[in-house]
Amino acid sequence: YMAIESAEGLFAAIADTRSIEAAGNRILRPLADGRLGQMDAP
């Protein structure tokens, strides 16, 4: 995330979040594989 700030606050910003968008539900795997939870014990 890249931002330019002035004394008045945010002037402009760009968020490059393509990776988390591409990863999709892969970030949720620990909630399904037993590390943090699973279907019958969420």
All heavy atoms as atom14 arrays in JSON, in Angstrom:
{
  "sequence": "YMAIESAEGLFAAIADTRSIEAAGNRILRPLADGRLGQMDAP",
  "atom14_mask": [
    [1, 1, 1, 1, 1, 1, 1, 1, 1, 1, 1, 1, 0, 0],
    [1, 1, 1, 1, 1, 1, 1, 1, 0, 0, 0, 0, 0, 0],
    [1, 1, 1, 1, 1, 0, 0, 0, 0, 0, 0, 0, 0, 0],
    [1, 1, 1, 1, 1, 1, 1, 1, 0, 0, 0, 0, 0, 0],
    [1, 1, 1, 1, 1, 1, 1, 1, 1, 0, 0, 0, 0, 0],
    [1, 1, 1, 1, 1, 1, 0, 0, 0, 0, 0, 0, 0, 0],
    [1, 1, 1, 1, 1, 0, 0, 0, 0, 0, 0, 0, 0, 0],
    [1, 1, 1, 1, 1, 1, 1, 1, 1, 0, 0, 0, 0, 0],
    [1, 1, 1, 1, 0, 0, 0, 0, 0, 0, 0, 0, 0, 0],
    [1, 1, 1, 1, 1, 1, 1, 1, 0, 0, 0, 0, 0, 0],
    [1, 1, 1, 1, 1, 1, 1, 1, 1, 1, 1, 0, 0, 0],
    [1, 1, 1, 1, 1, 0, 0, 0, 0, 0, 0, 0, 0, 0],
    [1, 1, 1, 1, 1, 0, 0, 0, 0, 0, 0, 0, 0, 0],
    [1, 1, 1, 1, 1, 1, 1, 1, 0, 0, 0, 0, 0, 0],
    [1, 1, 1, 1, 1, 0, 0, 0, 0, 0, 0, 0, 0, 0],
    [1, 1, 1, 1, 1, 1, 1, 1, 0, 0, 0, 0, 0, 0],
    [1, 1, 1, 1, 1, 1, 1, 0, 0, 0, 0, 0, 0, 0],
    [1, 1, 1, 1, 1, 1, 1, 1, 1, 1, 1, 0, 0, 0],
    [1, 1, 1, 1, 1, 1, 0, 0, 0, 0, 0, 0, 0, 0],
    [1, 1, 1, 1, 1, 1, 1, 1, 0, 0, 0, 0, 0, 0],
    [1, 1, 1, 1, 1, 1, 1, 1, 1, 0, 0, 0, 0, 0],
    [1, 1, 1, 1, 1, 0, 0, 0, 0, 0, 0, 0, 0, 0],
    [1, 1, 1, 1, 1, 0, 0, 0, 0, 0, 0, 0, 0, 0],
    [1, 1, 1, 1, 0, 0, 0, 0, 0, 0, 0, 0, 0, 0],
    [1, 1, 1, 1, 1, 1, 1, 1, 0, 0, 0, 0, 0, 0],
    [1, 1, 1, 1, 1, 1, 1, 1, 1, 1, 1, 0, 0, 0],
    [1, 1, 1, 1, 1, 1, 1, 1, 0, 0, 0, 0, 0, 0],
    [1, 1, 1, 1, 1, 1, 1, 1, 0, 0, 0, 0, 0, 0],
    [1, 1, 1, 1, 1, 1, 1, 1, 1, 1, 1, 0, 0, 0],
    [1, 1, 1, 1, 1, 1, 1, 0, 0, 0, 0, 0, 0, 0],
    [1, 1, 1, 1, 1, 1, 1, 1, 0, 0, 0, 0, 0, 0],
    [1, 1, 1, 1, 1, 0, 0, 0, 0, 0, 0, 0, 0, 0],
    [1, 1, 1, 1, 1, 1, 1, 1, 0, 0, 0, 0, 0, 0],
    [1, 1, 1, 1, 0, 0, 0, 0, 0, 0, 0, 0, 0, 0],
    [1, 1, 1, 1, 1, 1, 1, 1, 1, 1, 1, 0, 0, 0],
    [1, 1, 1, 1, 1, 1, 1, 1, 0, 0, 0, 0, 0, 0],
    [1, 1, 1, 1, 0, 0, 0, 0, 0, 0, 0, 0, 0, 0],
    [1, 1, 1, 1, 1, 1, 1, 1, 1, 0, 0, 0, 0, 0],
    [1, 1, 1, 1, 1, 1, 1, 1, 0, 0, 0, 0, 0, 0],
    [1, 1, 1, 1, 1, 1, 1, 1, 0, 0, 0, 0, 0, 0],
    [1, 1, 1, 1, 1, 0, 0, 0, 0, 0, 0, 0, 0, 0],
    [1, 1, 1, 1, 1, 1, 1, 0, 0, 0, 0, 0, 0, 0]
  ],
  "atom14_positions": [
    [[0.88, -1.18, 0.0], [0.0, 0.0, 0.0], [0.91, 1.22, 0.0], [1.82, 1.32, 0.82], [-0.89, -0.02, 1.24], [-1.68, 1.25, 1.5], [-2.92, 1.45, 0.91], [-1.19, 2.23, 2.37], [-3.66, 2.6, 1.17], [-1.92, 3.38, 2.63], [-3.15, 3.57, 2.03], [-3.88, 4.69, 2.27], [0.0, 0.0, 0.0], [0.0, 0.0, 0.0]],
    [[0.67, 2.13, -0.93], [1.5, 3.32, -1.03], [0.63, 4.57, -0.85], [-0.4, 4.7, -1.52], [2.22, 3.37, -2.38], [3.13, 4.57, -2.55], [4.12, 4.46, -4.07], [2.8, 4.55, -5.31], [0.0, 0.0, 0.0], [0.0, 0.0, 0.0], [0.0, 0.0, 0.0], [0.0, 0.0, 0.0], [0.0, 0.0, 0.0], [0.0, 0.0, 0.0]],
    [[1.03, 5.45, 0.06], [0.25, 6.65, 0.33], [1.15, 7.87, 0.38], [2.32, 7.79, 0.75], [-0.5, 6.52, 1.66], [0.0, 0.0, 0.0], [0.0, 0.0, 0.0], [0.0, 0.0, 0.0], [0.0, 0.0, 0.0], [0.0, 0.0, 0.0], [0.0, 0.0, 0.0], [0.0, 0.0, 0.0], [0.0, 0.0, 0.0], [0.0, 0.0, 0.0]],
    [[0.6, 9.0, -0.02], [1.25, 10.3, 0.11], [0.39, 11.14, 1.04], [-0.82, 11.29, 0.81], [1.42, 10.98, -1.25], [2.31, 10.15, -2.16], [2.01, 12.38, -1.08], [2.42, 10.67, -3.58], [0.0, 0.0, 0.0], [0.0, 0.0, 0.0], [0.0, 0.0, 0.0], [0.0, 0.0, 0.0], [0.0, 0.0, 0.0], [0.0, 0.0, 0.0]],
    [[1.0, 11.65, 2.09], [0.27, 12.43, 3.09], [0.86, 13.82, 3.19], [2.08, 14.01, 3.16], [0.34, 11.74, 4.46], [-0.26, 10.34, 4.46], [-0.09, 9.63, 5.8], [0.64, 10.18, 6.65], [-0.66, 8.55, 5.96], [0.0, 0.0, 0.0], [0.0, 0.0, 0.0], [0.0, 0.0, 0.0], [0.0, 0.0, 0.0], [0.0, 0.0, 0.0]],
    [[-0.03, 14.8, 3.32], [0.38, 16.18, 3.55], [-0.01, 16.58, 4.96], [-0.54, 15.77, 5.73], [-0.3, 17.11, 2.53], [-1.7, 17.18, 2.79], [0.0, 0.0, 0.0], [0.0, 0.0, 0.0], [0.0, 0.0, 0.0], [0.0, 0.0, 0.0], [0.0, 0.0, 0.0], [0.0, 0.0, 0.0], [0.0, 0.0, 0.0], [0.0, 0.0, 0.0]],
    [[0.21, 17.84, 5.29], [-0.17, 18.32, 6.62], [-1.68, 18.22, 6.84], [-2.15, 18.1, 7.98], [0.31, 19.75, 6.81], [0.0, 0.0, 0.0], [0.0, 0.0, 0.0], [0.0, 0.0, 0.0], [0.0, 0.0, 0.0], [0.0, 0.0, 0.0], [0.0, 0.0, 0.0], [0.0, 0.0, 0.0], [0.0, 0.0, 0.0], [0.0, 0.0, 0.0]],
    [[-2.44, 18.24, 5.75], [-3.91, 18.18, 5.85], [-4.43, 16.74, 5.91], [-5.61, 16.52, 6.11], [-4.55, 18.9, 4.66], [-4.45, 20.41, 4.7], [-3.03, 20.9, 4.37], [-2.38, 20.28, 3.51], [-2.59, 21.87, 5.0], [0.0, 0.0, 0.0], [0.0, 0.0, 0.0], [0.0, 0.0, 0.0], [0.0, 0.0, 0.0], [0.0, 0.0, 0.0]],
    [[-3.54, 15.78, 5.72], [-3.97, 14.38, 5.74], [-3.62, 13.67, 4.45], [-2.69, 14.06, 3.73], [0.0, 0.0, 0.0], [0.0, 0.0, 0.0], [0.0, 0.0, 0.0], [0.0, 0.0, 0.0], [0.0, 0.0, 0.0], [0.0, 0.0, 0.0], [0.0, 0.0, 0.0], [0.0, 0.0, 0.0], [0.0, 0.0, 0.0], [0.0, 0.0, 0.0]],
    [[-4.38, 12.62, 4.13], [-4.09, 11.8, 2.95], [-4.28, 12.59, 1.67], [-5.34, 13.19, 1.43], [-5.0, 10.57, 2.93], [-4.79, 9.58, 1.78], [-3.42, 8.94, 1.87], [-5.88, 8.52, 1.79], [0.0, 0.0, 0.0], [0.0, 0.0, 0.0], [0.0, 0.0, 0.0], [0.0, 0.0, 0.0], [0.0, 0.0, 0.0], [0.0, 0.0, 0.0]],
    [[-3.25, 12.6, 0.81], [-3.3, 13.29, -0.48], [-3.67, 12.32, -1.6], [-4.49, 12.63, -2.46], [-1.94, 13.95, -0.76], [-1.91, 14.8, -1.99], [-2.47, 16.08, -1.99], [-1.33, 14.34, -3.16], [-2.45, 16.86, -3.12], [-1.3, 15.11, -4.3], [-1.86, 16.39, -4.29], [0.0, 0.0, 0.0], [0.0, 0.0, 0.0], [0.0, 0.0, 0.0]],
    [[-3.07, 11.14, -1.58], [-3.36, 10.11, -2.58], [-2.84, 8.77, -2.08], [-1.92, 8.72, -1.26], [-2.72, 10.45, -3.93], [0.0, 0.0, 0.0], [0.0, 0.0, 0.0], [0.0, 0.0, 0.0], [0.0, 0.0, 0.0], [0.0, 0.0, 0.0], [0.0, 0.0, 0.0], [0.0, 0.0, 0.0], [0.0, 0.0, 0.0], [0.0, 0.0, 0.0]],
    [[-3.44, 7.67, -2.56], [-2.99, 6.34, -2.14], [-3.34, 5.31, -3.19], [-4.32, 5.47, -3.94], [-3.63, 5.96, -0.81], [0.0, 0.0, 0.0], [0.0, 0.0, 0.0], [0.0, 0.0, 0.0], [0.0, 0.0, 0.0], [0.0, 0.0, 0.0], [0.0, 0.0, 0.0], [0.0, 0.0, 0.0], [0.0, 0.0, 0.0], [0.0, 0.0, 0.0]],
    [[-2.53, 4.25, -3.23], [-2.78, 3.1, -4.11], [-2.59, 1.84, -3.29], [-1.59, 1.68, -2.6], [-1.82, 3.07, -5.3], [-2.0, 4.32, -6.18], [-2.03, 1.8, -6.14], [-0.98, 4.43, -7.28], [0.0, 0.0, 0.0], [0.0, 0.0, 0.0], [0.0, 0.0, 0.0], [0.0, 0.0, 0.0], [0.0, 0.0, 0.0], [0.0, 0.0, 0.0]],
    [[-3.59, 0.94, -3.34], [-3.5, -0.34, -2.63], [-3.31, -1.45, -3.66], [-4.19, -1.69, -4.49], [-4.75, -0.58, -1.81], [0.0, 0.0, 0.0], [0.0, 0.0, 0.0], [0.0, 0.0, 0.0], [0.0, 0.0, 0.0], [0.0, 0.0, 0.0], [0.0, 0.0, 0.0], [0.0, 0.0, 0.0], [0.0, 0.0, 0.0], [0.0, 0.0, 0.0]],
    [[-2.16, -2.12, -3.62], [-1.89, -3.25, -4.5], [-2.09, -4.52, -3.68], [-1.19, -5.0, -3.0], [-0.46, -3.16, -5.02], [-0.11, -4.27, -6.01], [-0.95, -5.18, -6.19], [0.99, -4.24, -6.59], [0.0, 0.0, 0.0], [0.0, 0.0, 0.0], [0.0, 0.0, 0.0], [0.0, 0.0, 0.0], [0.0, 0.0, 0.0], [0.0, 0.0, 0.0]],
    [[-3.32, -5.06, -3.74], [-3.69, -6.22, -2.93], [-4.02, -7.42, -3.82], [-4.87, -8.25, -3.48], [-4.88, -5.9, -2.02], [-5.98, -5.43, -2.83], [-4.52, -4.82, -1.02], [0.0, 0.0, 0.0], [0.0, 0.0, 0.0], [0.0, 0.0, 0.0], [0.0, 0.0, 0.0], [0.0, 0.0, 0.0], [0.0, 0.0, 0.0], [0.0, 0.0, 0.0]],
    [[-3.33, -7.53, -4.93], [-3.62, -8.6, -5.87], [-3.37, -9.99, -5.29], [-4.05, -10.95, -5.64], [-2.79, -8.41, -7.14], [-3.24, -7.24, -8.01], [-2.29, -7.0, -9.17], [-1.0, -6.53, -8.7], [0.04, -6.32, -9.5], [-0.05, -6.57, -10.79], [1.19, -5.88, -9.01], [0.0, 0.0, 0.0], [0.0, 0.0, 0.0], [0.0, 0.0, 0.0]],
    [[-2.4, -10.1, -4.4], [-2.03, -11.42, -3.89], [-3.09, -12.0, -2.97], [-3.46, -13.17, -3.09], [-0.68, -11.36, -3.18], [0.35, -11.12, -4.13], [0.0, 0.0, 0.0], [0.0, 0.0, 0.0], [0.0, 0.0, 0.0], [0.0, 0.0, 0.0], [0.0, 0.0, 0.0], [0.0, 0.0, 0.0], [0.0, 0.0, 0.0], [0.0, 0.0, 0.0]],
    [[-3.61, -11.19, -2.04], [-4.64, -11.74, -1.15], [-5.91, -12.02, -1.93], [-6.65, -12.97, -1.64], [-4.89, -10.83, 0.07], [-5.73, -11.59, 1.09], [-5.57, -9.52, -0.34], [-5.8, -10.93, 2.43], [0.0, 0.0, 0.0], [0.0, 0.0, 0.0], [0.0, 0.0, 0.0], [0.0, 0.0, 0.0], [0.0, 0.0, 0.0], [0.0, 0.0, 0.0]],
    [[-6.17, -11.22, -2.96], [-7.34, -11.5, -3.79], [-7.15, -12.8, -4.57], [-8.08, -13.61, -4.69], [-7.57, -10.32, -4.74], [-8.03, -9.05, -4.02], [-8.09, -7.85, -4.93], [-7.79, -7.99, -6.14], [-8.42, -6.76, -4.44], [0.0, 0.0, 0.0], [0.0, 0.0, 0.0], [0.0, 0.0, 0.0], [0.0, 0.0, 0.0], [0.0, 0.0, 0.0]],
    [[-5.95, -13.02, -5.09], [-5.67, -14.24, -5.84], [-5.66, -15.47, -4.93], [-6.05, -16.58, -5.34], [-4.34, -14.13, -6.57], [0.0, 0.0, 0.0], [0.0, 0.0, 0.0], [0.0, 0.0, 0.0], [0.0, 0.0, 0.0], [0.0, 0.0, 0.0], [0.0, 0.0, 0.0], [0.0, 0.0, 0.0], [0.0, 0.0, 0.0], [0.0, 0.0, 0.0]],
    [[-5.21, -15.3, -3.7], [-5.16, -16.42, -2.75], [-6.55, -16.92, -2.4], [-6.76, -18.11, -2.15], [-4.4, -16.01, -1.5], [0.0, 0.0, 0.0], [0.0, 0.0, 0.0], [0.0, 0.0, 0.0], [0.0, 0.0, 0.0], [0.0, 0.0, 0.0], [0.0, 0.0, 0.0], [0.0, 0.0, 0.0], [0.0, 0.0, 0.0], [0.0, 0.0, 0.0]],
    [[-7.53, -16.01, -2.36], [-8.92, -16.41, -2.11], [-9.08, -17.18, -0.82], [-8.51, -16.84, 0.22], [0.0, 0.0, 0.0], [0.0, 0.0, 0.0], [0.0, 0.0, 0.0], [0.0, 0.0, 0.0], [0.0, 0.0, 0.0], [0.0, 0.0, 0.0], [0.0, 0.0, 0.0], [0.0, 0.0, 0.0], [0.0, 0.0, 0.0], [0.0, 0.0, 0.0]],
    [[-9.84, -18.29, -0.89], [-10.14, -19.04, 0.34], [-8.98, -19.89, 0.84], [-9.11, -20.57, 1.86], [-11.39, -19.89, 0.17], [-11.26, -20.95, -0.9], [-10.16, -21.21, -1.41], [-12.37, -21.57, -1.25], [0.0, 0.0, 0.0], [0.0, 0.0, 0.0], [0.0, 0.0, 0.0], [0.0, 0.0, 0.0], [0.0, 0.0, 0.0], [0.0, 0.0, 0.0]],
    [[-7.84, -19.86, 0.16], [-6.67, -20.57, 0.68], [-6.23, -19.99, 2.02], [-5.62, -20.7, 2.84], [-5.52, -20.52, -0.33], [-5.71, -21.43, -1.54], [-4.51, -21.39, -2.47], [-4.47, -20.16, -3.24], [-3.46, -19.81, -4.03], [-2.4, -20.59, -4.14], [-3.51, -18.68, -4.72], [0.0, 0.0, 0.0], [0.0, 0.0, 0.0], [0.0, 0.0, 0.0]],
    [[-6.52, -18.71, 2.27], [-6.13, -18.12, 3.55], [-6.97, -18.68, 4.7], [-6.61, -18.52, 5.87], [-6.23, -16.57, 3.53], [-7.69, -16.11, 3.46], [-5.42, -15.98, 2.4], [-7.86, -14.61, 3.62], [0.0, 0.0, 0.0], [0.0, 0.0, 0.0], [0.0, 0.0, 0.0], [0.0, 0.0, 0.0], [0.0, 0.0, 0.0], [0.0, 0.0, 0.0]],
    [[-8.06, -19.37, 4.38], [-8.96, -19.91, 5.41], [-8.67, -21.36, 5.77], [-9.33, -21.93, 6.64], [-10.42, -19.8, 4.94], [-10.91, -18.4, 4.52], [-12.36, -18.49, 4.07], [-10.75, -17.39, 5.65], [0.0, 0.0, 0.0], [0.0, 0.0, 0.0], [0.0, 0.0, 0.0], [0.0, 0.0, 0.0], [0.0, 0.0, 0.0], [0.0, 0.0, 0.0]],
    [[-7.69, -21.98, 5.14], [-7.43, -23.41, 5.35], [-7.24, -23.79, 6.82], [-7.69, -24.86, 7.23], [-6.22, -23.84, 4.52], [-6.52, -23.97, 3.04], [-5.27, -24.28, 2.24], [-5.56, -24.43, 0.81], [-4.63, -24.49, -0.12], [-3.35, -24.44, 0.22], [-4.97, -24.61, -1.39], [0.0, 0.0, 0.0], [0.0, 0.0, 0.0], [0.0, 0.0, 0.0]],
    [[-6.56, -22.96, 7.64], [-6.39, -23.36, 9.05], [-7.71, -23.51, 9.8], [-7.77, -24.18, 10.83], [-5.57, -22.21, 9.64], [-4.83, -21.64, 8.47], [-5.79, -21.74, 7.33], [0.0, 0.0, 0.0], [0.0, 0.0, 0.0], [0.0, 0.0, 0.0], [0.0, 0.0, 0.0], [0.0, 0.0, 0.0], [0.0, 0.0, 0.0], [0.0, 0.0, 0.0]],
    [[-8.79, -22.92, 9.28], [-10.1, -23.05, 9.92], [-10.8, -24.35, 9.54], [-11.83, -24.69, 10.13], [-10.98, -21.86, 9.53], [-10.55, -20.51, 10.09], [-11.28, -19.37, 9.39], [-10.79, -20.45, 11.6], [0.0, 0.0, 0.0], [0.0, 0.0, 0.0], [0.0, 0.0, 0.0], [0.0, 0.0, 0.0], [0.0, 0.0, 0.0], [0.0, 0.0, 0.0]],
    [[-10.24, -25.06, 8.57], [-10.88, -26.29, 8.09], [-10.05, -27.54, 8.33], [-10.6, -28.65, 8.39], [-11.16, -26.17, 6.59], [0.0, 0.0, 0.0], [0.0, 0.0, 0.0], [0.0, 0.0, 0.0], [0.0, 0.0, 0.0], [0.0, 0.0, 0.0], [0.0, 0.0, 0.0], [0.0, 0.0, 0.0], [0.0, 0.0, 0.0], [0.0, 0.0, 0.0]],
    [[-8.73, -27.38, 8.49], [-7.87, -28.57, 8.55], [-7.49, -28.99, 9.97], [-6.63, -29.84, 10.16], [-6.6, -28.34, 7.72], [-5.73, -27.18, 8.24], [-5.95, -26.71, 9.37], [-4.83, -26.74, 7.49], [0.0, 0.0, 0.0], [0.0, 0.0, 0.0], [0.0, 0.0, 0.0], [0.0, 0.0, 0.0], [0.0, 0.0, 0.0], [0.0, 0.0, 0.0]],
    [[-8.15, -28.41, 10.96], [-7.91, -28.82, 12.34], [-6.96, -27.93, 13.12], [-6.9, -28.01, 14.35], [0.0, 0.0, 0.0], [0.0, 0.0, 0.0], [0.0, 0.0, 0.0], [0.0, 0.0, 0.0], [0.0, 0.0, 0.0], [0.0, 0.0, 0.0], [0.0, 0.0, 0.0], [0.0, 0.0, 0.0], [0.0, 0.0, 0.0], [0.0, 0.0, 0.0]],
    [[-6.22, -27.08, 12.44], [-5.29, -26.2, 13.15], [-6.04, -25.19, 14.01], [-5.68, -24.93, 15.16], [-4.36, -25.49, 12.17], [-3.26, -26.37, 11.61], [-2.42, -25.62, 10.59], [-3.13, -25.43, 9.33], [-2.68, -24.65, 8.34], [-1.55, -23.97, 8.5], [-3.37, -24.55, 7.2], [0.0, 0.0, 0.0], [0.0, 0.0, 0.0], [0.0, 0.0, 0.0]],
    [[-7.1, -24.6, 13.46], [-7.92, -23.64, 14.22], [-9.38, -24.07, 14.3], [-10.14, -23.49, 15.07], [-7.84, -22.26, 13.57], [-6.48, -21.56, 13.62], [-6.51, -20.28, 12.78], [-6.06, -21.24, 15.05], [0.0, 0.0, 0.0], [0.0, 0.0, 0.0], [0.0, 0.0, 0.0], [0.0, 0.0, 0.0], [0.0, 0.0, 0.0], [0.0, 0.0, 0.0]],
    [[-9.75, -25.04, 13.53], [-11.13, -25.51, 13.52], [-11.34, -26.5, 12.4], [-10.41, -26.81, 11.64], [0.0, 0.0, 0.0], [0.0, 0.0, 0.0], [0.0, 0.0, 0.0], [0.0, 0.0, 0.0], [0.0, 0.0, 0.0], [0.0, 0.0, 0.0], [0.0, 0.0, 0.0], [0.0, 0.0, 0.0], [0.0, 0.0, 0.0], [0.0, 0.0, 0.0]],
    [[-12.57, -27.01, 12.3], [-12.94, -27.91, 11.21], [-14.46, -27.91, 11.1], [-15.15, -27.28, 11.92], [-12.41, -29.32, 11.45], [-12.74, -29.89, 12.81], [-11.87, -31.09, 13.15], [-10.74, -31.2, 12.71], [-12.44, -32.01, 13.94], [0.0, 0.0, 0.0], [0.0, 0.0, 0.0], [0.0, 0.0, 0.0], [0.0, 0.0, 0.0], [0.0, 0.0, 0.0]],
    [[-14.98, -28.58, 10.09], [-16.41, -28.5, 9.8], [-17.28, -28.86, 11.0], [-18.27, -28.21, 11.29], [-16.75, -29.41, 8.61], [-16.37, -28.83, 7.27], [-17.31, -27.34, 6.85], [-16.67, -27.02, 5.2], [0.0, 0.0, 0.0], [0.0, 0.0, 0.0], [0.0, 0.0, 0.0], [0.0, 0.0, 0.0], [0.0, 0.0, 0.0], [0.0, 0.0, 0.0]],
    [[-16.91, -29.93, 11.71], [-17.75, -30.38, 12.83], [-17.37, -29.73, 14.15], [-17.99, -30.0, 15.18], [-17.72, -31.9, 12.95], [-16.31, -32.44, 13.15], [-15.35, -31.65, 13.05], [-16.16, -33.65, 13.41], [0.0, 0.0, 0.0], [0.0, 0.0, 0.0], [0.0, 0.0, 0.0], [0.0, 0.0, 0.0], [0.0, 0.0, 0.0], [0.0, 0.0, 0.0]],
    [[-16.35, -28.88, 14.13], [-15.95, -28.15, 15.33], [-15.37, -26.79, 14.91], [-14.18, -26.55, 15.01], [-14.92, -28.95, 16.13], [0.0, 0.0, 0.0], [0.0, 0.0, 0.0], [0.0, 0.0, 0.0], [0.0, 0.0, 0.0], [0.0, 0.0, 0.0], [0.0, 0.0, 0.0], [0.0, 0.0, 0.0], [0.0, 0.0, 0.0], [0.0, 0.0, 0.0]],
    [[-16.24, -25.91, 14.41], [-15.75, -24.63, 13.88], [-15.18, -23.71, 14.96], [-15.51, -23.84, 16.14], [-17.0, -24.02, 13.24], [-18.15, -24.66, 13.95], [-17.7, -26.04, 14.29], [0.0, 0.0, 0.0], [0.0, 0.0, 0.0], [0.0, 0.0, 0.0], [0.0, 0.0, 0.0], [0.0, 0.0, 0.0], [0.0, 0.0, 0.0], [0.0, 0.0, 0.0]]
  ]
}
